[in-house]
Amino acid sequence: CRRGTFSTSWGAASEDTCSECPVGFSQPALGQANSSVCLPCAPGNYSVTPGVAECIKCPPGTWNAGFHSKSCTVCPKGKWSGSFGAIRQDQCMPCYRGRDCFDPEEKSVQVSVNIAGLGVATLASSTRGEISAAYASEIQSAVDVSGASVTDVEGQVGAVTLGLDGSVTAWVVDLDGSSANEVAERLYASTFREAIFNATEDILGAPCSAHVMSVVVVPKPFTPPTTSTKQTTTKRSTTTETPATTTPCDDCDDDDDQGHEHGPGNGNGHGHGQGPGNGNGHSNGNGHGQRDDNSHDDSQDDGEQEDEPDETTSLAGQGNQKHEDIPPDASVPTLADGAPSVMAMGAKWSVALAMALIYFAA
């Protein structure tokens, strides 16, 4: 048997043998066997339907001091209990906002009704519209205040807001000439719950399993929802790739195995010879090469070697330097006096040393 019910039958074949606990009682467990498991609602609680799993707390503006209660008592006019489940009348405090317990700026209340078994999610949109209009009409009839109107949470007059869980939310505005206590007492009455049930049955047809579980009335000003527009700005960054520009290098070599040779001359060139010439070049062998501007010479030259270089001659490594990119305006150290005699005496050793340095550097 489900919660809120029990069965004394042995060998029961269906749920039809389960009995509901009476109004004012609750039963929170499954599969109970006798009526002793039905618990009376405690003070500050009530129930209005049989077979419930738990009792409902008295809403704000009411109190209840007894057990197994079927309703709660509305606070005297000019007083209001601000929390659920009040158990004494002295918990009803004087309304600081006025004798009618309304907000001074707007005399309105929010009404919340919890309906079990309504099945809003399965209803067509047209059926939901009929139920919404019917509930708004019943609320306005129960309040019975001239000039008052019922709106949903969006501010649409003559409608209520239906939640998929069976919750009903509405606002009653323009309640001049009445008090929050009077409005609450009318909406908490059993006649209002019966009116809601009958309106539901008229639309959905009989038998109707929907029933009102609770009603809550809270005096507060109506505040329609505000629609805020959030603007999102997306910044796009554009990356432009600039092709690399190759600057001609007068003293560069395409081969990492070649060294740099600087000798007197009027241009830059590449060659496979060692010795002073008419330009700057790279040498991998022995010989005396005569090089012109920006030229390659792969042959050995038997030209005469000058005994003494010009004083402005700048020699860099005699071919014993690793290949590097030397800017055209880079300063090159000047050999000290006596360099020509060293070149003359150690030409072969210089070449060997250059090749060894290139090998280890690679």
Protein backbone atom coordinates (compact mmCIF):
# COMPACT_ATOMS: atom_id res chain seq x y z
CA CYS A 1 0.00 0.00 0.00
CA ARG A 2 1.18 3.53 -0.79
CA ARG A 3 1.99 6.18 1.79
CA GLY A 4 -1.07 7.56 3.53
CA THR A 5 -2.88 4.20 3.39
CA PHE A 6 -2.92 0.79 5.12
CA SER A 7 -4.48 -2.67 4.62
CA THR A 8 -5.60 -5.30 7.12
CA SER A 9 -6.27 -7.92 4.46
CA TRP A 10 -4.24 -11.12 4.09
CA GLY A 11 -3.27 -12.19 0.57
CA ALA A 12 -4.49 -8.94 -1.02
CA ALA A 13 -4.32 -9.02 -4.81
CA SER A 14 -4.73 -5.30 -5.57
CA GLU A 15 -4.42 -1.82 -4.10
CA ASP A 16 -8.19 -1.68 -3.78
CA THR A 17 -7.86 -3.32 -0.36
CA CYS A 18 -5.82 -0.36 0.96
CA SER A 19 -7.67 2.17 3.11
CA GLU A 20 -6.81 5.86 3.40
CA CYS A 21 -5.98 7.56 6.66
CA PRO A 22 -8.71 10.12 7.54
CA VAL A 23 -8.47 13.89 7.17
CA GLY A 24 -6.28 15.39 9.87
CA PHE A 25 -3.93 12.38 9.83
CA SER A 26 -0.91 11.32 7.82
CA GLN A 27 1.01 8.11 7.19
CA PRO A 28 4.58 8.41 5.78
CA ALA A 29 5.51 4.72 5.24
CA LEU A 30 4.80 2.06 2.60
CA GLY A 31 3.00 -1.23 3.26
CA GLN A 32 1.32 -0.54 6.58
CA ALA A 33 -1.07 -3.12 8.05
CA ASN A 34 -3.51 -1.28 10.34
CA SER A 35 -5.03 2.11 11.20
CA SER A 36 -2.72 2.64 14.17
CA VAL A 37 -0.02 3.84 11.77
CA CYS A 38 -2.11 6.91 10.87
CA LEU A 39 -0.53 9.79 12.79
CA PRO A 40 -2.52 12.88 13.83
CA CYS A 41 -1.32 16.21 12.47
CA ALA A 42 0.69 18.05 15.11
CA PRO A 43 -0.05 21.62 16.26
CA GLY A 44 0.80 24.13 13.56
CA ASN A 45 -0.15 21.55 10.87
CA TYR A 46 -3.31 20.37 9.14
CA SER A 47 -4.61 18.27 6.28
CA VAL A 48 -7.67 18.76 4.12
CA THR A 49 -7.67 15.50 2.14
CA PRO A 50 -7.58 11.85 3.27
CA GLY A 51 -4.66 9.52 2.58
CA VAL A 52 -1.77 11.98 2.76
CA ALA A 53 1.84 11.08 3.47
CA GLU A 54 2.46 14.20 5.53
CA CYS A 55 0.52 17.07 7.02
CA ILE A 56 0.82 20.66 5.79
CA LYS A 57 2.11 23.54 7.87
CA CYS A 58 -0.27 26.37 8.62
CA PRO A 59 0.44 29.23 6.16
CA PRO A 60 1.51 32.74 7.22
CA GLY A 61 -1.33 34.71 8.79
CA THR A 62 -2.75 31.64 10.56
CA TRP A 63 -2.08 29.45 13.59
CA ASN A 64 -3.22 26.11 15.03
CA ALA A 65 -2.81 24.76 18.56
CA GLY A 66 -4.58 21.38 18.26
CA PHE A 67 -3.88 17.89 16.94
CA HIS A 68 -5.40 16.22 13.84
CA SER A 69 -6.63 19.60 12.59
CA LYS A 70 -8.43 20.05 9.31
CA SER A 71 -7.80 23.78 9.03
CA CYS A 72 -5.90 26.69 10.55
CA THR A 73 -7.25 29.80 12.25
CA VAL A 74 -6.69 33.19 10.61
CA CYS A 75 -5.02 35.83 12.77
CA PRO A 76 -7.21 38.67 14.12
CA LYS A 77 -7.55 41.74 11.94
CA GLY A 78 -4.50 43.97 12.13
CA LYS A 79 -2.19 41.08 13.05
CA TRP A 80 -0.24 38.57 10.99
CA SER A 81 2.05 35.62 11.62
CA GLY A 82 5.06 35.93 9.41
CA SER A 83 6.13 32.27 9.28
CA PHE A 84 4.70 28.84 8.54
CA GLY A 85 3.50 26.52 11.30
CA ALA A 86 2.46 28.97 14.05
CA ILE A 87 1.05 27.10 17.03
CA ARG A 88 -0.19 29.99 19.20
CA GLN A 89 -2.28 33.08 18.64
CA ASP A 90 0.34 35.27 20.27
CA GLN A 91 2.55 34.53 17.28
CA CYS A 92 0.25 36.83 15.33
CA MET A 93 2.07 40.16 15.52
CA PRO A 94 0.65 43.64 14.80
CA CYS A 95 1.08 44.65 11.17
CA TYR A 96 3.57 47.50 10.99
CA ARG A 97 2.36 48.45 7.54
CA GLY A 98 -1.20 49.28 8.56
CA ARG A 99 -4.35 48.02 10.14
CA ASP A 100 -5.31 46.05 7.02
CA CYS A 101 -1.86 44.36 6.83
CA PHE A 102 -1.49 45.44 3.22
CA ASP A 103 1.51 47.23 1.83
CA PRO A 104 0.85 50.97 1.98
CA GLU A 105 1.76 51.45 -1.66
CA GLU A 106 -0.43 48.70 -3.10
CA LYS A 107 -3.24 46.64 -1.61
CA SER A 108 -2.62 43.25 -3.16
CA VAL A 109 -1.92 39.63 -2.20
CA GLN A 110 -0.12 36.72 -3.81
CA VAL A 111 -2.13 33.51 -3.92
CA SER A 112 -0.46 30.10 -4.26
CA VAL A 113 -2.51 26.93 -4.65
CA ASN A 114 -1.00 23.43 -4.72
CA ILE A 115 -3.12 20.94 -6.69
CA ALA A 116 -2.20 17.24 -6.69
CA GLY A 117 -3.06 15.02 -9.64
CA LEU A 118 -3.60 17.86 -12.12
CA GLY A 119 -1.05 16.60 -14.66
CA VAL A 120 -0.34 19.95 -16.30
CA ALA A 121 2.51 18.52 -18.38
CA THR A 122 0.09 16.20 -20.23
CA LEU A 123 -2.51 18.88 -21.00
CA ALA A 124 -2.87 20.61 -24.35
CA SER A 125 -2.15 24.33 -24.44
CA SER A 126 -5.84 25.09 -25.11
CA THR A 127 -6.85 23.08 -22.06
CA ARG A 128 -4.31 24.90 -19.94
CA GLY A 129 -5.78 28.19 -21.09
CA GLU A 130 -9.29 27.08 -20.05
CA ILE A 131 -8.10 25.98 -16.61
CA SER A 132 -6.15 29.22 -16.12
CA ALA A 133 -9.19 31.37 -16.89
CA ALA A 134 -11.46 29.19 -14.72
CA TYR A 135 -9.14 29.37 -11.70
CA ALA A 136 -8.84 33.16 -12.04
CA SER A 137 -12.59 33.45 -12.05
CA GLU A 138 -12.96 31.29 -8.93
CA ILE A 139 -10.32 33.31 -7.07
CA GLN A 140 -12.02 36.57 -7.91
CA SER A 141 -15.40 35.19 -6.84
CA ALA A 142 -14.00 33.95 -3.53
CA VAL A 143 -12.31 37.29 -2.74
CA ASP A 144 -15.53 39.17 -3.53
CA VAL A 145 -14.03 42.67 -3.53
CA SER A 146 -15.45 45.23 -5.94
CA GLY A 147 -12.88 46.49 -8.40
CA ALA A 148 -10.35 43.77 -7.59
CA SER A 149 -8.74 41.85 -10.43
CA VAL A 150 -6.74 38.63 -10.76
CA THR A 151 -3.56 38.46 -12.84
CA ASP A 152 -0.87 35.91 -13.50
CA VAL A 153 2.80 36.52 -12.73
CA GLU A 154 3.23 38.27 -16.08
CA GLY A 155 0.43 40.74 -15.32
CA GLN A 156 -2.17 39.26 -17.67
CA VAL A 157 -5.62 39.97 -16.25
CA GLY A 158 -8.07 37.07 -15.87
CA ALA A 159 -5.41 34.37 -15.83
CA VAL A 160 -3.17 32.44 -13.45
CA THR A 161 0.24 30.85 -13.91
CA LEU A 162 0.24 27.04 -14.01
CA GLY A 163 3.37 25.15 -13.02
CA LEU A 164 4.22 21.72 -14.36
CA ASP A 165 4.21 20.42 -10.77
CA GLY A 166 0.57 21.42 -10.25
CA SER A 167 1.31 24.77 -8.60
CA VAL A 168 -0.99 27.71 -9.30
CA THR A 169 0.24 31.28 -8.76
CA ALA A 170 -1.88 34.42 -9.06
CA TRP A 171 -2.05 38.00 -7.83
CA VAL A 172 -5.16 39.77 -6.54
CA VAL A 173 -4.73 43.52 -6.90
CA ASP A 174 -6.77 46.62 -6.05
CA LEU A 175 -8.21 45.24 -2.82
CA ASP A 176 -9.41 48.60 -1.51
CA GLY A 177 -11.98 48.43 1.27
CA SER A 178 -10.84 45.05 2.55
CA SER A 179 -8.03 43.63 4.68
CA ALA A 180 -5.50 40.87 4.15
CA ASN A 181 -7.12 38.91 7.00
CA GLU A 182 -10.54 38.96 5.31
CA VAL A 183 -9.10 37.91 1.94
CA ALA A 184 -7.11 35.07 3.53
CA GLU A 185 -10.12 33.80 5.46
CA ARG A 186 -12.17 33.54 2.26
CA LEU A 187 -9.43 31.78 0.31
CA TYR A 188 -8.66 29.37 3.17
CA ALA A 189 -12.28 28.25 3.38
CA SER A 190 -13.29 24.77 2.27
CA THR A 191 -15.80 26.31 -0.16
CA PHE A 192 -12.93 27.78 -2.22
CA ARG A 193 -11.19 24.42 -2.45
CA GLU A 194 -14.43 22.80 -3.57
CA ALA A 195 -14.90 25.49 -6.22
CA ILE A 196 -11.43 24.80 -7.64
CA PHE A 197 -12.09 21.06 -7.71
CA ASN A 198 -15.45 21.51 -9.47
CA ALA A 199 -13.91 23.85 -12.08
CA THR A 200 -11.18 21.28 -12.78
CA GLU A 201 -13.70 18.45 -13.13
CA ASP A 202 -15.85 20.50 -15.51
CA ILE A 203 -12.89 20.93 -17.87
CA LEU A 204 -11.12 17.56 -17.55
CA GLY A 205 -14.24 15.47 -16.99
CA ALA A 206 -15.29 13.12 -14.20
CA PRO A 207 -13.97 11.31 -12.36
CA CYS A 208 -11.23 13.81 -11.58
CA SER A 209 -8.28 12.83 -9.43
CA ALA A 210 -7.07 16.40 -8.91
CA HIS A 211 -7.59 17.90 -5.47
CA VAL A 212 -6.40 21.00 -3.63
CA MET A 213 -3.65 20.24 -1.12
CA SER A 214 -2.94 23.72 0.25
CA VAL A 215 -3.58 27.44 -0.20
CA VAL A 216 -1.17 30.21 0.80
CA VAL A 217 -2.01 33.94 0.88
CA VAL A 218 0.76 36.52 1.33
CA PRO A 219 0.08 40.29 1.32
CA LYS A 220 2.72 41.91 -0.87
CA PRO A 221 2.81 44.42 -3.74
CA PHE A 222 2.60 43.06 -7.25
CA THR A 223 5.90 43.37 -9.10
CA PRO A 224 5.71 42.35 -12.75
CA PRO A 225 8.85 40.68 -14.06
CA THR A 226 11.36 42.87 -15.83
CA THR A 227 12.96 41.76 -19.04
CA SER A 228 16.65 42.53 -19.20
CA THR A 229 18.59 42.39 -22.43
CA LYS A 230 22.16 41.31 -22.08
CA GLN A 231 24.40 42.45 -24.85
CA THR A 232 27.44 40.41 -25.62
CA THR A 233 30.22 42.04 -27.58
CA THR A 234 32.60 39.76 -29.35
CA LYS A 235 35.96 41.16 -30.30
CA ARG A 236 37.56 39.66 -33.35
CA SER A 237 41.29 39.85 -33.73
CA THR A 238 42.83 39.63 -37.16
CA THR A 239 46.35 38.35 -37.46
CA THR A 240 48.21 39.32 -40.61
CA GLU A 241 51.23 37.26 -41.45
CA THR A 242 53.96 39.25 -43.16
CA PRO A 243 56.26 37.18 -45.35
CA ALA A 244 59.83 37.15 -44.16
CA THR A 245 62.09 39.42 -46.19
CA THR A 246 65.48 38.01 -47.04
CA THR A 247 68.21 40.61 -46.97
CA PRO A 248 71.21 39.82 -49.20
CA CYS A 249 74.23 39.13 -47.11
CA ASP A 250 77.60 39.86 -48.65
CA ASP A 251 79.53 37.75 -46.20
CA CYS A 252 77.19 34.71 -45.95
CA ASP A 253 77.76 31.24 -47.28
CA ASP A 254 75.16 28.65 -48.28
CA ASP A 255 77.25 25.80 -46.98
CA ASP A 256 77.78 25.33 -43.22
CA ASP A 257 81.02 23.55 -43.91
CA GLN A 258 82.64 26.60 -45.47
CA GLY A 259 84.68 29.11 -43.50
CA HIS A 260 85.06 32.83 -43.93
CA GLU A 261 88.04 34.41 -45.56
CA HIS A 262 88.52 38.12 -45.66
CA GLY A 263 91.14 39.59 -47.89
CA PRO A 264 91.76 42.77 -49.70
CA GLY A 265 89.51 43.32 -52.62
CA ASN A 266 86.57 45.16 -53.98
CA GLY A 267 83.68 42.71 -53.55
CA ASN A 268 82.22 39.64 -51.94
CA GLY A 269 82.48 36.17 -53.35
CA HIS A 270 82.63 32.46 -52.65
CA GLY A 271 85.53 30.32 -53.58
CA HIS A 272 87.55 27.29 -52.69
CA GLY A 273 90.90 28.89 -52.20
CA GLN A 274 92.91 30.40 -49.45
CA GLY A 275 94.83 33.56 -49.65
CA PRO A 276 94.39 37.20 -50.24
CA GLY A 277 92.21 38.19 -53.12
CA ASN A 278 90.09 40.95 -54.42
CA GLY A 279 87.12 40.32 -52.15
CA ASN A 280 85.67 38.52 -49.19
CA GLY A 281 84.98 34.85 -49.56
CA HIS A 282 84.92 31.40 -48.11
CA SER A 283 87.73 28.93 -48.62
CA ASN A 284 87.85 25.16 -48.18
CA GLY A 285 91.18 24.43 -49.85
CA ASN A 286 94.62 25.58 -50.69
CA GLY A 287 95.41 27.95 -53.43
CA HIS A 288 95.41 31.54 -54.40
CA GLY A 289 92.16 32.59 -55.94
CA GLN A 290 91.33 35.81 -57.68
CA ARG A 291 87.60 36.52 -56.98
CA ASP A 292 85.33 39.13 -58.36
CA ASP A 293 82.18 40.54 -56.80
CA ASN A 294 79.49 37.99 -55.79
CA SER A 295 81.08 35.09 -57.68
CA HIS A 296 81.78 31.43 -56.89
CA ASP A 297 85.09 29.81 -57.69
CA ASP A 298 85.44 26.01 -57.26
CA SER A 299 88.91 25.73 -58.84
CA GLN A 300 92.35 26.22 -57.42
CA ASP A 301 94.29 29.24 -58.59
CA ASP A 302 98.02 29.39 -59.03
CA GLY A 303 98.12 33.15 -58.80
CA GLU A 304 100.86 34.80 -56.92
CA GLN A 305 100.43 35.34 -53.22
CA GLU A 306 101.07 38.80 -51.94
CA ASP A 307 103.74 38.92 -49.28
CA GLU A 308 102.27 41.76 -47.31
CA PRO A 309 98.65 42.77 -47.06
CA ASP A 310 97.40 46.26 -47.15
CA GLU A 311 97.19 48.00 -43.76
CA THR A 312 93.40 48.14 -44.09
CA THR A 313 93.14 44.43 -44.80
CA SER A 314 90.86 42.64 -42.33
CA LEU A 315 91.39 38.91 -42.03
CA ALA A 316 88.87 36.79 -40.15
CA GLY A 317 90.02 33.36 -39.28
CA GLN A 318 91.84 32.34 -42.52
CA GLY A 319 88.99 29.94 -43.18
CA ASN A 320 89.06 28.64 -39.61
CA GLN A 321 85.81 30.31 -38.50
CA LYS A 322 82.38 28.64 -38.35
CA HIS A 323 79.85 29.91 -40.82
CA GLU A 324 78.02 32.93 -39.40
CA ASP A 325 75.87 35.68 -40.77
CA ILE A 326 78.02 38.80 -40.45
CA PRO A 327 76.28 42.09 -41.10
CA PRO A 328 77.89 44.22 -43.78
CA ASP A 329 78.67 47.00 -41.30
CA ALA A 330 80.12 44.69 -38.65
CA SER A 331 83.60 45.58 -37.49
CA VAL A 332 86.29 42.99 -38.04
CA PRO A 333 89.39 42.90 -35.84
CA THR A 334 92.65 43.84 -37.56
CA LEU A 335 95.53 41.44 -37.46
CA ALA A 336 98.56 42.53 -35.53
CA ASP A 337 101.91 43.14 -37.12
CA GLY A 338 103.66 39.99 -38.26
CA ALA A 339 100.51 38.32 -39.62
CA PRO A 340 101.96 37.93 -43.17
CA SER A 341 104.87 35.89 -41.92
CA VAL A 342 102.51 33.62 -39.97
CA MET A 343 100.43 33.08 -43.10
CA ALA A 344 103.47 32.26 -45.14
CA MET A 345 104.86 29.79 -42.62
CA GLY A 346 101.69 28.04 -41.59
CA ALA A 347 99.41 27.99 -44.61
CA LYS A 348 99.00 24.25 -44.56
CA TRP A 349 98.53 24.14 -40.81
CA SER A 350 95.94 26.89 -41.00
CA VAL A 351 93.92 24.93 -43.50
CA ALA A 352 94.10 21.81 -41.35
CA LEU A 353 93.11 23.76 -38.28
CA ALA A 354 90.20 25.38 -40.11
CA MET A 355 88.90 22.02 -41.30
CA ALA A 356 89.21 20.59 -37.77
CA LEU A 357 87.30 23.50 -36.26
CA ILE A 358 84.57 23.19 -38.86
CA TYR A 359 84.28 19.46 -38.18
CA PHE A 360 83.96 19.83 -34.41
CA ALA A 361 81.64 22.84 -34.71
CA ALA A 362 79.31 20.85 -36.96
